[in-house]
Structures are given as structure tokens and as C-alpha cells.
Amino acid sequence: MKSTFLTILLAVAGAFAFGQHATLKISDTAPLTDRKMEATDGKQLSLNDVKGENGTLVIFSCNTCPFVVGMKDGGFPGWEKDYNALHKLAAEKGFGVILVNSNEAKRSGEESEDTMGAMKERAKANGYTIPYVVDKESTLADAFGAKTTPHVFLFDKEMKLIYTGSIDNTWDPKRKEDIPYLINALSQFDSKIKVAESEPRGCSIKRVAKS
């Protein structure tokens, strides 16, 4: 299990082989909020389309990363299992939620785990209640500076960033306590969020190199 975890961390450390993109900072306004993306149910959705009364939660995700789907050796179970519960909590707090798949490099050829067909199968098999959209050419991910799957961005009703980073710290086997960063941010959105940023943990978003 330790060797698998180390391998994944090394992969994350090399996340930026195809270049870096500046990540949104707290108080930044969400870009490309009107950009339509195809969802697994066939709808064309933008961030504005899913926006709730108090804002929007954007989660960059995929179909294969162990930090999303869980580790095969029985280690970290992944965050995908928490998606529907997070959707329920976010909705109760007045936030719309959207899952975004930006793994453009894994939509054709030998690595085709993130095609629309595969996304539909994943959403159905796991009973996603959240809209799951394809981000063609990683355009939204680039605009956000999203690094990993998952990487979360929570925006208020003005679409200003109020939390970004990881869902929680349960990926860390050496943690002294569980810290539910995203749940805390959703609970504190109308006051001062105590931890507004955390380091995103996951697999690098698989972008296609651009000239």
C-alpha cells in the first residue's frame, strides 16, 4: 500500500509536465461562467446554469484517478464516494454543484478512459446526482488553473472565490485529525471561512500540450 501511495504522490509532483497555469486566488471572479459544456445527460450547461442562490461549487474530476475512485490495494478509498453527500449539503446551503472532466489527453487512442461514453458509464454506475460535464481542450481547467482531480473551487453568489483546494485531508495517512475543508467552507460561507485554501491532492489533469 505504501509503495502505491508513494507512486501516486510522485505522479502528482510531476503534474505540470505540459506547463503551468495560474490558479485562481481567493476573491478572484470565476472566468468563463457562460461557457456551455456537454453533460452526461445530453444537456449543455454553464456555471451560470447550475448556480445556486448562494453560489457555485466546481469540482474537477475524472474516471480513473485513485484519489477520485479509490486505490485498488485497499488504501485511500477516494473522494468519489462523497460526491452525492457533498451535493446534498451544498444544495442545502444554497450552492449549485458541477463536476468537470478536463482530461483531454485521455479521450482517444489507448488512453480513452475519459470519453463522454466512459463518463456516462461512470455517472450511471455510481449514481451521480451532480451534473458531470466534459471540458473540451481543458479550456475551463486552464482558465481556473485547476491542477488535479479532484480540485475544488467554491464561489459565492457574486462568483467570487471563497474556498479552493482539497475536499479534506483524509488522503494523508499521517494526519492527526480529520479536517473536512470543503464541508467547513460550506458551513462558514456566510461568515469568515477559517481555512479558505488548502493544497489540492490528486492526479494531474491530463492536458494536451498546446503549441
Protein backbone atom coordinates (compact mmCIF):
# COMPACT_ATOMS: atom_id res chain seq x y z
CA MET A 1 0.00 0.00 0.00
CA LYS A 2 2.83 2.39 0.89
CA SER A 3 4.52 1.85 -2.48
CA THR A 4 1.26 2.57 -4.32
CA PHE A 5 0.73 5.74 -2.33
CA LEU A 6 4.30 6.89 -2.97
CA THR A 7 3.89 6.23 -6.70
CA ILE A 8 0.77 8.39 -6.79
CA LEU A 9 2.44 11.20 -4.87
CA LEU A 10 5.35 11.15 -7.29
CA ALA A 11 2.90 11.38 -10.17
CA VAL A 12 1.27 14.36 -8.52
CA ALA A 13 4.65 16.00 -8.01
CA GLY A 14 5.19 15.81 -11.76
CA ALA A 15 1.79 17.24 -12.53
CA PHE A 16 2.98 20.10 -14.66
CA ALA A 17 4.98 18.50 -17.43
CA PHE A 18 2.85 20.30 -20.02
CA GLY A 19 3.19 23.74 -18.44
CA GLN A 20 1.62 25.58 -15.55
CA HIS A 21 -1.50 27.71 -15.43
CA ALA A 22 -2.03 30.40 -12.81
CA THR A 23 -4.55 29.18 -10.26
CA LEU A 24 -7.41 31.43 -9.18
CA LYS A 25 -6.85 33.19 -5.88
CA ILE A 26 -9.34 33.91 -3.12
CA SER A 27 -11.69 36.77 -4.16
CA ASP A 28 -10.97 36.23 -7.86
CA THR A 29 -14.03 36.15 -10.11
CA ALA A 30 -14.85 32.89 -11.87
CA PRO A 31 -13.98 33.04 -15.59
CA LEU A 32 -15.97 31.58 -18.49
CA THR A 33 -19.20 31.34 -16.50
CA ASP A 34 -21.30 31.36 -19.69
CA ARG A 35 -19.29 28.65 -21.48
CA LYS A 36 -21.53 25.70 -22.33
CA MET A 37 -20.27 22.17 -21.72
CA GLU A 38 -21.98 18.90 -22.57
CA ALA A 39 -23.24 16.88 -19.60
CA THR A 40 -23.68 13.11 -19.45
CA ASP A 41 -27.45 13.56 -19.73
CA GLY A 42 -27.03 15.44 -23.02
CA LYS A 43 -27.71 18.90 -21.64
CA GLN A 44 -25.47 21.87 -22.41
CA LEU A 45 -24.60 23.53 -19.11
CA SER A 46 -22.57 26.53 -17.97
CA LEU A 47 -21.51 27.53 -14.48
CA ASN A 48 -24.26 30.14 -14.53
CA ASP A 49 -26.81 27.47 -15.39
CA VAL A 50 -26.08 25.48 -12.23
CA LYS A 51 -25.52 28.46 -9.93
CA GLY A 52 -27.44 28.36 -6.67
CA GLU A 53 -28.82 31.20 -4.59
CA ASN A 54 -25.54 31.50 -2.69
CA GLY A 55 -23.06 30.43 -5.33
CA THR A 56 -21.47 27.51 -7.16
CA LEU A 57 -19.20 24.60 -6.28
CA VAL A 58 -16.97 23.40 -9.13
CA ILE A 59 -15.20 20.05 -8.75
CA PHE A 60 -12.67 18.99 -11.37
CA SER A 61 -12.88 15.20 -11.51
CA CYS A 62 -12.27 12.18 -13.76
CA ASN A 63 -12.98 8.47 -14.15
CA THR A 64 -9.68 6.86 -13.17
CA CYS A 65 -7.56 8.75 -10.63
CA PRO A 66 -7.19 6.77 -7.37
CA PHE A 67 -7.81 9.97 -5.43
CA VAL A 68 -11.26 10.02 -7.06
CA VAL A 69 -12.20 6.35 -7.46
CA GLY A 70 -10.11 4.83 -4.67
CA MET A 71 -6.93 2.80 -4.52
CA LYS A 72 -7.06 -0.80 -5.70
CA ASP A 73 -4.89 -2.05 -2.84
CA GLY A 74 -7.47 -1.06 -0.26
CA GLY A 75 -5.74 2.15 0.80
CA PHE A 76 -7.34 5.56 0.42
CA PRO A 77 -10.96 4.98 -0.73
CA GLY A 78 -11.13 8.11 -2.90
CA TRP A 79 -13.49 11.08 -2.73
CA GLU A 80 -15.99 9.98 -5.37
CA LYS A 81 -17.98 8.17 -2.68
CA ASP A 82 -18.58 11.55 -1.01
CA TYR A 83 -19.79 13.43 -4.10
CA ASN A 84 -23.53 12.92 -3.62
CA ALA A 85 -23.38 13.79 0.09
CA LEU A 86 -21.44 16.95 -0.75
CA HIS A 87 -24.05 17.77 -3.40
CA LYS A 88 -26.82 17.39 -0.81
CA LEU A 89 -25.04 19.62 1.71
CA ALA A 90 -24.17 22.23 -0.92
CA ALA A 91 -27.79 22.34 -2.09
CA GLU A 92 -28.97 22.78 1.49
CA LYS A 93 -26.59 25.73 1.78
CA GLY A 94 -27.84 27.25 -1.48
CA PHE A 95 -24.96 26.26 -3.77
CA GLY A 96 -25.19 24.67 -7.19
CA VAL A 97 -22.63 21.96 -7.98
CA ILE A 98 -20.96 20.76 -11.17
CA LEU A 99 -18.39 18.04 -11.87
CA VAL A 100 -15.95 18.88 -14.68
CA ASN A 101 -13.82 16.36 -16.59
CA SER A 102 -10.88 18.17 -18.21
CA ASN A 103 -8.71 15.13 -19.07
CA GLU A 104 -8.45 15.97 -22.78
CA ALA A 105 -5.43 13.70 -23.27
CA LYS A 106 -7.44 10.66 -22.17
CA ARG A 107 -10.28 10.84 -24.68
CA SER A 108 -8.77 8.94 -27.61
CA GLY A 109 -6.26 6.26 -28.53
CA GLU A 110 -5.01 3.78 -25.95
CA GLU A 111 -5.92 6.11 -23.09
CA SER A 112 -9.61 6.69 -23.61
CA GLU A 113 -10.94 6.37 -20.07
CA ASP A 114 -12.37 9.89 -20.04
CA THR A 115 -14.50 9.92 -23.18
CA MET A 116 -18.11 11.03 -22.93
CA GLY A 117 -19.16 7.39 -23.19
CA ALA A 118 -16.94 6.46 -20.25
CA MET A 119 -18.22 9.46 -18.29
CA LYS A 120 -21.82 8.35 -18.84
CA GLU A 121 -20.99 4.86 -17.62
CA ARG A 122 -19.22 6.22 -14.55
CA ALA A 123 -22.04 8.59 -13.66
CA LYS A 124 -24.64 5.83 -14.01
CA ALA A 125 -22.65 3.18 -12.16
CA ASN A 126 -22.08 5.48 -9.20
CA GLY A 127 -25.45 7.18 -9.20
CA TYR A 128 -24.11 10.70 -9.59
CA THR A 129 -26.65 13.33 -8.61
CA ILE A 130 -24.32 16.11 -9.77
CA PRO A 131 -24.17 17.23 -13.42
CA TYR A 132 -20.98 15.77 -14.96
CA VAL A 133 -19.67 17.76 -17.93
CA VAL A 134 -16.81 17.44 -20.41
CA ASP A 135 -14.38 20.36 -20.61
CA LYS A 136 -13.13 20.18 -24.19
CA GLU A 137 -9.46 21.08 -24.67
CA SER A 138 -9.24 21.63 -20.88
CA THR A 139 -10.40 25.20 -21.51
CA LEU A 140 -12.13 25.71 -18.16
CA ALA A 141 -9.33 23.96 -16.28
CA ASP A 142 -6.79 26.27 -17.90
CA ALA A 143 -8.84 29.36 -17.04
CA PHE A 144 -9.15 28.22 -13.42
CA GLY A 145 -5.58 26.98 -13.18
CA ALA A 146 -7.00 23.68 -11.94
CA LYS A 147 -4.22 21.25 -11.09
CA THR A 148 -5.61 17.93 -10.00
CA THR A 149 -8.53 15.54 -9.93
CA PRO A 150 -10.15 16.39 -7.70
CA HIS A 151 -9.58 20.14 -7.31
CA VAL A 152 -12.45 22.14 -5.82
CA PHE A 153 -13.42 25.78 -6.26
CA LEU A 154 -16.25 27.29 -4.19
CA PHE A 155 -17.71 30.61 -5.35
CA ASP A 156 -20.16 32.92 -3.60
CA LYS A 157 -23.27 34.42 -5.19
CA GLU A 158 -21.13 37.08 -6.88
CA MET A 159 -18.98 34.26 -8.29
CA LYS A 160 -16.03 35.36 -6.18
CA LEU A 161 -13.78 32.53 -5.00
CA ILE A 162 -14.20 31.81 -1.27
CA TYR A 163 -12.54 28.38 -0.97
CA THR A 164 -10.20 26.33 -3.12
CA GLY A 165 -8.12 23.20 -2.73
CA SER A 166 -8.84 19.73 -1.41
CA ILE A 167 -12.09 18.18 -0.18
CA ASP A 168 -10.50 17.14 3.12
CA ASN A 169 -7.25 15.71 4.48
CA THR A 170 -8.24 12.04 4.70
CA TRP A 171 -5.78 11.21 1.90
CA ASP A 172 -2.94 11.70 4.43
CA PRO A 173 -2.21 8.54 6.45
CA LYS A 174 -0.12 10.60 8.90
CA ARG A 175 -2.87 13.11 9.74
CA LYS A 176 -3.55 13.66 13.43
CA GLU A 177 -7.20 14.53 12.85
CA ASP A 178 -9.70 14.64 10.01
CA ILE A 179 -10.21 18.14 8.62
CA PRO A 180 -13.23 18.47 6.28
CA TYR A 181 -12.08 21.60 4.46
CA LEU A 182 -14.93 21.78 1.96
CA ILE A 183 -17.68 20.94 4.44
CA ASN A 184 -16.32 23.60 6.77
CA ALA A 185 -16.24 26.15 3.95
CA LEU A 186 -19.84 25.38 3.01
CA SER A 187 -20.87 25.73 6.65
CA GLN A 188 -18.98 29.00 7.13
CA PHE A 189 -19.71 30.67 3.78
CA ASP A 190 -21.84 33.43 5.30
CA SER A 191 -19.21 34.38 7.88
CA LYS A 192 -15.42 34.05 7.71
CA ILE A 193 -14.12 30.79 6.33
CA LYS A 194 -11.33 29.78 8.70
CA VAL A 195 -9.37 27.78 6.12
CA ALA A 196 -10.03 29.30 2.70
CA GLU A 197 -7.23 27.46 0.91
CA SER A 198 -5.68 24.01 1.10
CA GLU A 199 -3.32 22.17 -1.20
CA PRO A 200 -5.23 20.19 -3.85
CA ARG A 201 -4.39 16.49 -3.82
CA GLY A 202 -4.96 14.14 -6.70
CA CYS A 203 -3.69 13.13 -10.12
CA SER A 204 -2.63 15.81 -12.56
CA ILE A 205 -5.25 16.93 -15.06
CA LYS A 206 -4.27 15.26 -18.33
CA ARG A 207 -3.99 18.18 -20.74
CA VAL A 208 -2.91 18.02 -24.37
CA ALA A 209 0.25 20.03 -24.94
CA LYS A 210 -0.53 23.26 -26.78
CA SER A 211 1.86 24.96 -29.17
